[in-house]
Amino acid sequence: MRILYLTRSDSVHDQRFLQTLAQSEHDGFVWRLNSGTYPTPAGVTALEWSGIEGGLNDENLPFALQELEKTIHTTQPDLVHAGPLQDLAYLAANTGFSNLLAMSWGFDLMKDVNVSKTYEHRARFALERSQRLITDAQCSAQKAVDLGFPYEKICIFPWGVDLQHFSPANARRAGFSWREIMGWKDKLVLLCLRSWEPNYGVDVLLAAFEKAAAENPDLRLILLNDGRLHDKFMESLEGENLEGKVFIGGRVTNEDLVKYYGAADVYVTPSHIDGSSVSLMEALACGLPTIASDIPANLEWVYHNDNGWIFPDDDIESLKDVILDVPTHNLESMAESARVTAERKADWQKNRQILLDCYQQLQPDEGKRNE
């Protein structure tokens, strides 16, 4: 098949999907909504156009729609794979192309449909005109069903991770020397990779960690990533209570991540809204027990007192108590359980086949193609 993949820009998930497409028997093309220069794996054709700035809105929608219609006419795809729902899938649905595979990125169903009637309308419009839906979590699949999409037409699979790269042995080997250099060899080290954005609850973690560290001076925190709340977070980190106890690493490459997983004892994901988090899967794969907020997507991965701990979302005191309780648990046993969870559910080499099977289900009749 000729498959046209539509996305906003580029992410780890995009690269995995495109790499799978490149390695398949299909002819792959990618069209990105946002302006910019992005890497594209060999075997997939990147379709050039000017792109837009600031997201899809009423002003630039006609232009983007016209350009996408030209692209569809030129490439003559058999299948269009598009997401998130409110922009790329909605845009594709407006072209009238019939063999549409919509893809939810989690936030589009778990948050955006509740933000405004416009976003809800766009999601419904895209779903009504899609032959199948791909999503990474049961909770977002259920939200699509609530919006009227048939459950039997949903392909559910977590995006997954490379279990050979993200492994306990690789992580420990990469992280041991870093931890020793930091002088944290005998400390209890927490790690958080979530974006510094309102959705991800990093402020909750900072507040809880400060309280916990006041009671247990051997606690340490590795805080990676960045975002719009950077200035606010840096201001809160200037207090002497956290001096020498928090490492700020900024954005790091995917290749370097395993080092920080290896340097940590416990991973923390305090998100308020999420799908299946790739960093959570990577942490579990590296054998890190995880402290997670009790949102539906996290509950699909983290099991209290088994491979981690659950705390009530946005509850600083409860998170503090969980952090302080960590040393009382058998972390080695919980680490083994974390790895088992990843092997069972997060193996991209297995999960990618679900994507290919979903493509196959949408194979059009020979010679049938949209004009």
Protein backbone atom coordinates (compact mmCIF):
# COMPACT_ATOMS: atom_id res chain seq x y z
CA MET A 1 0.00 0.00 0.00
CA ARG A 2 0.90 3.65 -0.36
CA ILE A 3 0.54 5.07 3.15
CA LEU A 4 0.51 8.78 3.94
CA TYR A 5 1.44 9.51 7.57
CA LEU A 6 0.28 12.89 8.92
CA THR A 7 1.68 14.37 12.12
CA ARG A 8 2.49 17.73 13.72
CA SER A 9 6.29 17.64 13.66
CA ASP A 10 8.52 14.92 15.05
CA SER A 11 8.77 12.92 18.26
CA VAL A 12 10.11 9.62 19.54
CA HIS A 13 6.72 8.12 18.72
CA ASP A 14 6.75 9.54 15.19
CA GLN A 15 10.20 8.09 14.60
CA ARG A 16 9.06 4.65 15.75
CA PHE A 17 6.00 4.71 13.50
CA LEU A 18 7.98 5.97 10.53
CA GLN A 19 10.77 3.45 11.08
CA THR A 20 8.20 0.66 11.16
CA LEU A 21 6.67 2.00 7.96
CA ALA A 22 10.12 2.22 6.35
CA GLN A 23 10.89 -1.40 7.22
CA SER A 24 7.54 -2.68 5.95
CA GLU A 25 6.45 -3.67 2.45
CA HIS A 26 4.49 -0.44 2.14
CA ASP A 27 5.46 2.78 0.37
CA GLY A 28 5.55 5.43 3.08
CA PHE A 29 5.15 9.21 2.90
CA VAL A 30 5.11 11.76 5.74
CA TRP A 31 3.48 15.22 5.74
CA ARG A 32 4.12 17.39 8.78
CA LEU A 33 1.79 20.22 9.77
CA ASN A 34 4.29 22.46 11.54
CA SER A 35 7.05 24.44 9.86
CA GLY A 36 10.55 23.10 10.40
CA THR A 37 13.20 20.62 9.35
CA TYR A 38 12.80 17.12 10.73
CA PRO A 39 14.68 13.83 10.38
CA THR A 40 12.98 11.17 8.28
CA PRO A 41 14.16 7.56 8.16
CA ALA A 42 15.40 6.18 4.86
CA GLY A 43 12.57 4.42 3.08
CA VAL A 44 9.96 7.09 3.86
CA THR A 45 9.47 10.12 1.62
CA ALA A 46 9.12 13.47 3.40
CA LEU A 47 6.69 15.71 1.53
CA GLU A 48 7.82 19.32 1.51
CA TRP A 49 5.59 22.35 1.95
CA SER A 50 5.83 25.61 3.90
CA GLY A 51 3.96 24.38 6.98
CA ILE A 52 2.10 26.54 9.48
CA GLU A 53 2.99 28.25 12.75
CA GLY A 54 1.09 28.19 16.01
CA GLY A 55 -1.19 25.23 15.39
CA LEU A 56 -4.27 24.71 13.24
CA ASN A 57 -6.85 27.48 13.59
CA ASP A 58 -9.75 29.03 11.66
CA GLU A 59 -7.43 31.39 9.80
CA ASN A 60 -4.88 28.91 8.47
CA LEU A 61 -7.19 25.90 8.13
CA PRO A 62 -8.26 26.67 4.52
CA PHE A 63 -4.62 27.01 3.43
CA ALA A 64 -3.54 23.81 5.20
CA LEU A 65 -6.55 21.95 3.79
CA GLN A 66 -5.78 23.10 0.26
CA GLU A 67 -2.15 21.99 0.58
CA LEU A 68 -3.10 18.60 2.01
CA GLU A 69 -5.62 18.04 -0.80
CA LYS A 70 -2.83 18.74 -3.31
CA THR A 71 -0.59 16.26 -1.50
CA ILE A 72 -3.24 13.54 -1.53
CA HIS A 73 -3.89 14.14 -5.23
CA THR A 74 -0.15 13.95 -5.99
CA THR A 75 0.79 10.93 -3.85
CA GLN A 76 -2.42 8.95 -4.43
CA PRO A 77 -2.26 7.11 -1.10
CA ASP A 78 -4.28 3.97 -0.39
CA LEU A 79 -4.40 4.87 3.32
CA VAL A 80 -3.99 8.04 5.36
CA HIS A 81 -2.75 7.61 8.96
CA ALA A 82 -3.35 10.88 10.86
CA GLY A 83 -3.28 12.28 14.38
CA PRO A 84 -3.83 14.00 16.77
CA LEU A 85 -7.59 14.07 16.29
CA GLN A 86 -8.23 17.82 16.53
CA ASP A 87 -5.77 18.85 13.83
CA LEU A 88 -4.26 16.20 11.53
CA ALA A 89 -7.13 13.68 11.65
CA TYR A 90 -9.66 16.52 11.45
CA LEU A 91 -7.80 18.03 8.50
CA ALA A 92 -7.65 14.67 6.71
CA ALA A 93 -11.35 14.08 7.35
CA ASN A 94 -12.14 17.42 5.72
CA THR A 95 -10.46 16.33 2.49
CA GLY A 96 -13.10 13.65 2.07
CA PHE A 97 -10.48 10.90 1.82
CA SER A 98 -12.35 7.74 2.74
CA ASN A 99 -9.70 5.28 3.94
CA LEU A 100 -8.66 7.21 7.05
CA LEU A 101 -6.89 5.70 10.06
CA ALA A 102 -7.16 8.24 12.88
CA MET A 103 -4.66 8.18 15.73
CA SER A 104 -5.18 9.53 19.24
CA TRP A 105 -2.12 10.86 21.04
CA GLY A 106 -3.79 10.57 24.45
CA PHE A 107 -4.17 14.24 25.34
CA ASP A 108 -6.57 14.83 22.43
CA LEU A 109 -9.14 12.46 23.94
CA MET A 110 -8.24 12.69 27.63
CA LYS A 111 -8.05 16.49 27.80
CA ASP A 112 -8.71 18.47 24.62
CA VAL A 113 -12.25 17.20 24.02
CA ASN A 114 -13.14 18.70 27.41
CA VAL A 115 -11.43 22.06 26.78
CA SER A 116 -13.95 23.46 24.31
CA LYS A 117 -16.91 22.52 22.14
CA THR A 118 -14.77 23.25 19.10
CA TYR A 119 -12.21 20.62 20.07
CA GLU A 120 -14.98 18.13 20.88
CA HIS A 121 -16.60 18.81 17.50
CA ARG A 122 -13.31 18.31 15.67
CA ALA A 123 -12.69 15.00 17.42
CA ARG A 124 -16.21 13.76 16.68
CA PHE A 125 -15.93 14.89 13.04
CA ALA A 126 -12.63 13.05 12.60
CA LEU A 127 -13.87 9.88 14.28
CA GLU A 128 -17.11 9.80 12.28
CA ARG A 129 -15.08 9.78 9.07
CA SER A 130 -12.44 7.27 10.12
CA GLN A 131 -12.38 3.58 9.31
CA ARG A 132 -10.23 2.70 12.32
CA LEU A 133 -8.69 4.39 15.37
CA ILE A 134 -5.29 3.75 16.91
CA THR A 135 -4.78 4.63 20.56
CA ASP A 136 -2.27 3.68 23.25
CA ALA A 137 -4.49 3.13 26.29
CA GLN A 138 -7.78 1.59 27.34
CA CYS A 139 -8.88 4.86 28.95
CA SER A 140 -8.58 6.84 25.72
CA ALA A 141 -10.26 4.03 23.78
CA GLN A 142 -13.20 4.27 26.17
CA LYS A 143 -13.36 8.02 25.63
CA ALA A 144 -13.61 7.42 21.87
CA VAL A 145 -16.45 4.98 22.51
CA ASP A 146 -18.18 7.64 24.63
CA LEU A 147 -17.94 9.92 21.59
CA GLY A 148 -19.69 7.32 19.47
CA PHE A 149 -16.83 5.39 17.86
CA PRO A 150 -17.26 1.58 17.68
CA TYR A 151 -14.96 -0.27 20.06
CA GLU A 152 -14.40 -3.09 17.58
CA LYS A 153 -12.75 -0.62 15.19
CA ILE A 154 -10.13 0.50 17.72
CA CYS A 155 -6.54 -0.81 17.61
CA ILE A 156 -5.20 -0.48 21.17
CA PHE A 157 -1.50 -0.85 21.88
CA PRO A 158 1.07 1.11 23.88
CA TRP A 159 3.72 2.63 21.65
CA GLY A 160 6.38 0.59 23.44
CA VAL A 161 10.16 0.86 23.91
CA ASP A 162 13.37 -0.90 22.87
CA LEU A 163 13.72 -3.47 25.66
CA GLN A 164 17.30 -4.34 24.71
CA HIS A 165 18.50 -0.75 25.04
CA PHE A 166 16.34 0.10 28.06
CA SER A 167 17.36 -2.77 30.31
CA PRO A 168 18.45 -3.01 33.96
CA ALA A 169 21.96 -4.09 32.97
CA ASN A 170 22.47 -1.24 30.49
CA ALA A 171 21.00 1.27 32.90
CA ARG A 172 23.14 0.25 35.87
CA ARG A 173 26.29 0.18 33.77
CA ALA A 174 25.64 3.67 32.39
CA GLY A 175 24.39 5.23 35.61
CA PHE A 176 26.78 3.87 38.22
CA SER A 177 29.73 6.17 37.53
CA TRP A 178 27.49 9.26 37.19
CA ARG A 179 25.95 8.56 40.58
CA GLU A 180 29.36 8.01 42.13
CA ILE A 181 30.67 11.30 40.69
CA MET A 182 27.66 13.09 42.20
CA GLY A 183 28.43 11.56 45.62
CA TRP A 184 24.98 9.99 45.67
CA LYS A 185 26.06 6.36 45.93
CA ASP A 186 24.47 5.92 49.37
CA LYS A 187 21.43 8.15 48.71
CA LEU A 188 17.86 7.31 47.65
CA VAL A 189 17.56 8.86 44.19
CA LEU A 190 14.28 9.76 42.50
CA LEU A 191 13.98 10.59 38.79
CA CYS A 192 11.35 12.55 36.85
CA LEU A 193 11.42 13.20 33.09
CA ARG A 194 8.04 14.81 32.67
CA SER A 195 7.74 18.09 30.77
CA TRP A 196 7.63 21.31 32.79
CA GLU A 197 4.08 21.98 31.66
CA PRO A 198 0.83 22.28 33.66
CA ASN A 199 -0.43 18.83 32.58
CA TYR A 200 2.44 16.90 34.13
CA GLY A 201 2.40 17.81 37.82
CA VAL A 202 6.13 18.46 38.25
CA ASP A 203 5.25 21.29 40.65
CA VAL A 204 3.46 18.74 42.83
CA LEU A 205 6.59 16.59 42.89
CA LEU A 206 8.83 19.54 43.78
CA ALA A 207 6.61 20.54 46.68
CA ALA A 208 6.34 16.96 47.96
CA PHE A 209 10.06 16.30 47.57
CA GLU A 210 11.00 19.42 49.54
CA LYS A 211 8.78 18.29 52.42
CA ALA A 212 10.11 14.73 52.26
CA ALA A 213 13.76 15.81 52.05
CA ALA A 214 13.30 17.89 55.19
CA GLU A 215 12.49 14.65 57.03
CA ASN A 216 14.92 12.38 55.18
CA PRO A 217 18.13 14.25 54.25
CA ASP A 218 19.35 11.27 52.18
CA LEU A 219 16.78 11.87 49.44
CA ARG A 220 17.94 13.12 46.04
CA LEU A 221 16.06 14.08 42.86
CA ILE A 222 17.11 14.05 39.20
CA LEU A 223 14.87 16.46 37.30
CA LEU A 224 15.15 16.43 33.52
CA ASN A 225 13.27 18.16 30.68
CA ASP A 226 12.02 21.76 30.42
CA GLY A 227 8.91 23.74 29.50
CA ARG A 228 6.84 26.86 30.01
CA LEU A 229 7.05 26.59 33.81
CA HIS A 230 10.87 26.77 33.76
CA ASP A 231 11.18 30.15 35.52
CA LYS A 232 8.65 29.22 38.20
CA PHE A 233 10.39 25.91 38.94
CA MET A 234 13.87 27.41 39.01
CA GLU A 235 12.70 30.02 41.51
CA SER A 236 11.34 27.34 43.80
CA LEU A 237 14.62 25.39 43.53
CA GLU A 238 16.70 28.33 44.74
CA GLY A 239 15.81 27.77 48.39
CA GLU A 240 18.50 26.38 50.66
CA ASN A 241 16.26 23.44 51.61
CA LEU A 242 16.93 21.85 48.21
CA GLU A 243 20.54 22.94 47.75
CA GLY A 244 22.64 19.99 46.59
CA LYS A 245 19.64 17.66 46.60
CA VAL A 246 18.24 18.26 43.11
CA PHE A 247 20.07 17.81 39.82
CA ILE A 248 18.63 19.83 36.90
CA GLY A 249 19.58 18.18 33.62
CA GLY A 250 17.37 19.96 31.08
CA ARG A 251 16.50 18.17 27.87
CA VAL A 252 18.67 15.15 27.14
CA THR A 253 19.01 12.97 24.08
CA ASN A 254 17.33 9.59 23.89
CA GLU A 255 20.78 7.97 23.90
CA ASP A 256 21.66 9.60 27.24
CA LEU A 257 18.43 8.74 29.00
CA VAL A 258 19.48 5.25 30.01
CA LYS A 259 22.27 6.77 32.14
CA TYR A 260 19.78 8.66 34.28
CA TYR A 261 17.49 5.65 34.62
CA GLY A 262 20.53 3.76 35.85
CA ALA A 263 21.44 6.49 38.33
CA ALA A 264 18.00 6.42 39.96
CA ASP A 265 16.31 4.08 42.42
CA VAL A 266 12.73 5.18 41.73
CA TYR A 267 10.92 6.92 38.88
CA VAL A 268 8.12 9.46 39.49
CA THR A 269 5.33 10.43 37.08
CA PRO A 270 2.92 12.91 38.74
CA SER A 271 0.90 13.70 35.60
CA HIS A 272 -2.64 15.06 35.78
CA ILE A 273 -3.46 13.98 32.21
CA ASP A 274 -1.67 11.36 30.13
CA GLY A 275 -1.83 8.44 27.77
CA SER A 276 0.65 5.58 28.02
CA SER A 277 3.83 7.46 28.91
CA VAL A 278 6.93 6.33 27.02
CA SER A 279 9.23 7.51 29.82
CA LEU A 280 7.21 5.41 32.27
CA MET A 281 7.65 2.37 30.00
CA GLU A 282 11.40 3.06 29.72
CA ALA A 283 11.71 3.37 33.49
CA LEU A 284 9.90 0.08 34.06
CA ALA A 285 12.04 -1.56 31.39
CA CYS A 286 15.15 -0.37 33.25
CA GLY A 287 13.82 -1.94 36.44
CA LEU A 288 12.72 1.23 38.22
CA PRO A 289 9.78 0.96 40.61
CA THR A 290 7.51 3.91 39.86
CA ILE A 291 5.52 6.38 41.93
CA ALA A 292 2.53 7.43 39.83
CA SER A 293 -0.55 9.62 40.16
CA ASP A 294 -3.81 7.67 40.10
CA ILE A 295 -4.97 8.81 36.67
CA PRO A 296 -6.45 6.05 34.45
CA ALA A 297 -3.49 5.73 32.06
CA ASN A 298 -1.00 5.27 34.92
CA LEU A 299 -3.18 2.63 36.56
CA GLU A 300 -2.77 0.50 33.44
CA TRP A 301 0.96 0.28 34.18
CA VAL A 302 1.73 0.81 37.87
CA TYR A 303 0.41 -1.57 40.52
CA HIS A 304 0.52 -0.39 44.11
CA ASN A 305 3.13 -2.14 46.27
CA ASP A 306 4.01 -4.44 43.35
CA ASN A 307 6.02 -2.56 40.70
CA GLY A 308 5.53 0.84 42.32
CA TRP A 309 3.16 3.03 44.28
CA ILE A 310 0.01 5.02 43.50
CA PHE A 311 -0.89 8.35 45.08
CA PRO A 312 -3.98 10.58 44.63
CA ASP A 313 -3.43 13.00 41.76
CA ASP A 314 -2.37 16.51 42.82
CA ASP A 315 -2.04 15.48 46.48
CA ILE A 316 1.29 16.85 47.76
CA GLU A 317 1.03 15.35 51.25
CA SER A 318 0.20 11.89 49.94
CA LEU A 319 3.11 11.99 47.51
CA LYS A 320 5.42 13.10 50.32
CA ASP A 321 4.29 10.16 52.44
CA VAL A 322 4.84 7.71 49.58
CA ILE A 323 8.37 9.05 49.01
CA LEU A 324 9.21 8.70 52.70
CA ASP A 325 7.82 5.16 52.72
CA VAL A 326 9.95 3.95 49.78
CA PRO A 327 12.95 2.81 51.94
CA THR A 328 10.72 0.38 53.85
CA HIS A 329 10.09 -1.70 50.70
CA ASN A 330 12.11 -4.40 48.98
CA LEU A 331 13.21 -2.36 45.97
CA GLU A 332 15.02 -5.27 44.35
CA SER A 333 11.84 -7.32 44.20
CA MET A 334 9.83 -4.35 42.93
CA ALA A 335 12.48 -3.69 40.28
CA GLU A 336 12.07 -7.23 38.99
CA SER A 337 8.31 -6.73 38.83
CA ALA A 338 8.78 -3.47 36.94
CA ARG A 339 10.89 -5.20 34.29
CA VAL A 340 8.35 -8.02 33.97
CA THR A 341 5.61 -5.45 33.35
CA ALA A 342 7.64 -3.86 30.57
CA GLU A 343 8.45 -7.21 28.97
CA ARG A 344 4.79 -8.19 29.04
CA LYS A 345 3.28 -4.94 27.76
CA ALA A 346 5.85 -2.49 26.39
CA ASP A 347 7.91 -4.43 23.84
CA TRP A 348 7.85 -2.28 20.70
CA GLN A 349 9.08 -5.17 18.55
CA LYS A 350 5.87 -7.00 19.44
CA ASN A 351 3.55 -4.00 19.62
CA ARG A 352 4.58 -2.67 16.21
CA GLN A 353 2.97 -5.72 14.62
CA ILE A 354 -0.42 -4.47 15.85
CA LEU A 355 0.16 -1.32 13.80
CA LEU A 356 1.00 -3.38 10.70
CA ASP A 357 -2.05 -5.59 11.29
CA CYS A 358 -4.20 -2.47 11.55
CA TYR A 359 -2.81 -1.29 8.22
CA GLN A 360 -3.59 -4.67 6.70
CA GLN A 361 -7.20 -4.49 7.87
CA LEU A 362 -7.54 -1.32 5.82
CA GLN A 363 -6.04 -2.74 2.64
CA PRO A 364 -8.30 -1.43 -0.16
CA ASP A 365 -9.56 -3.57 -3.01
CA GLU A 366 -7.09 -3.87 -5.86
CA GLY A 367 -7.19 -0.77 -8.02
CA LYS A 368 -9.45 1.15 -5.64
CA ARG A 369 -7.98 4.53 -4.73
CA ASN A 370 -9.30 8.00 -3.95
CA GLU A 371 -8.90 10.55 -6.72
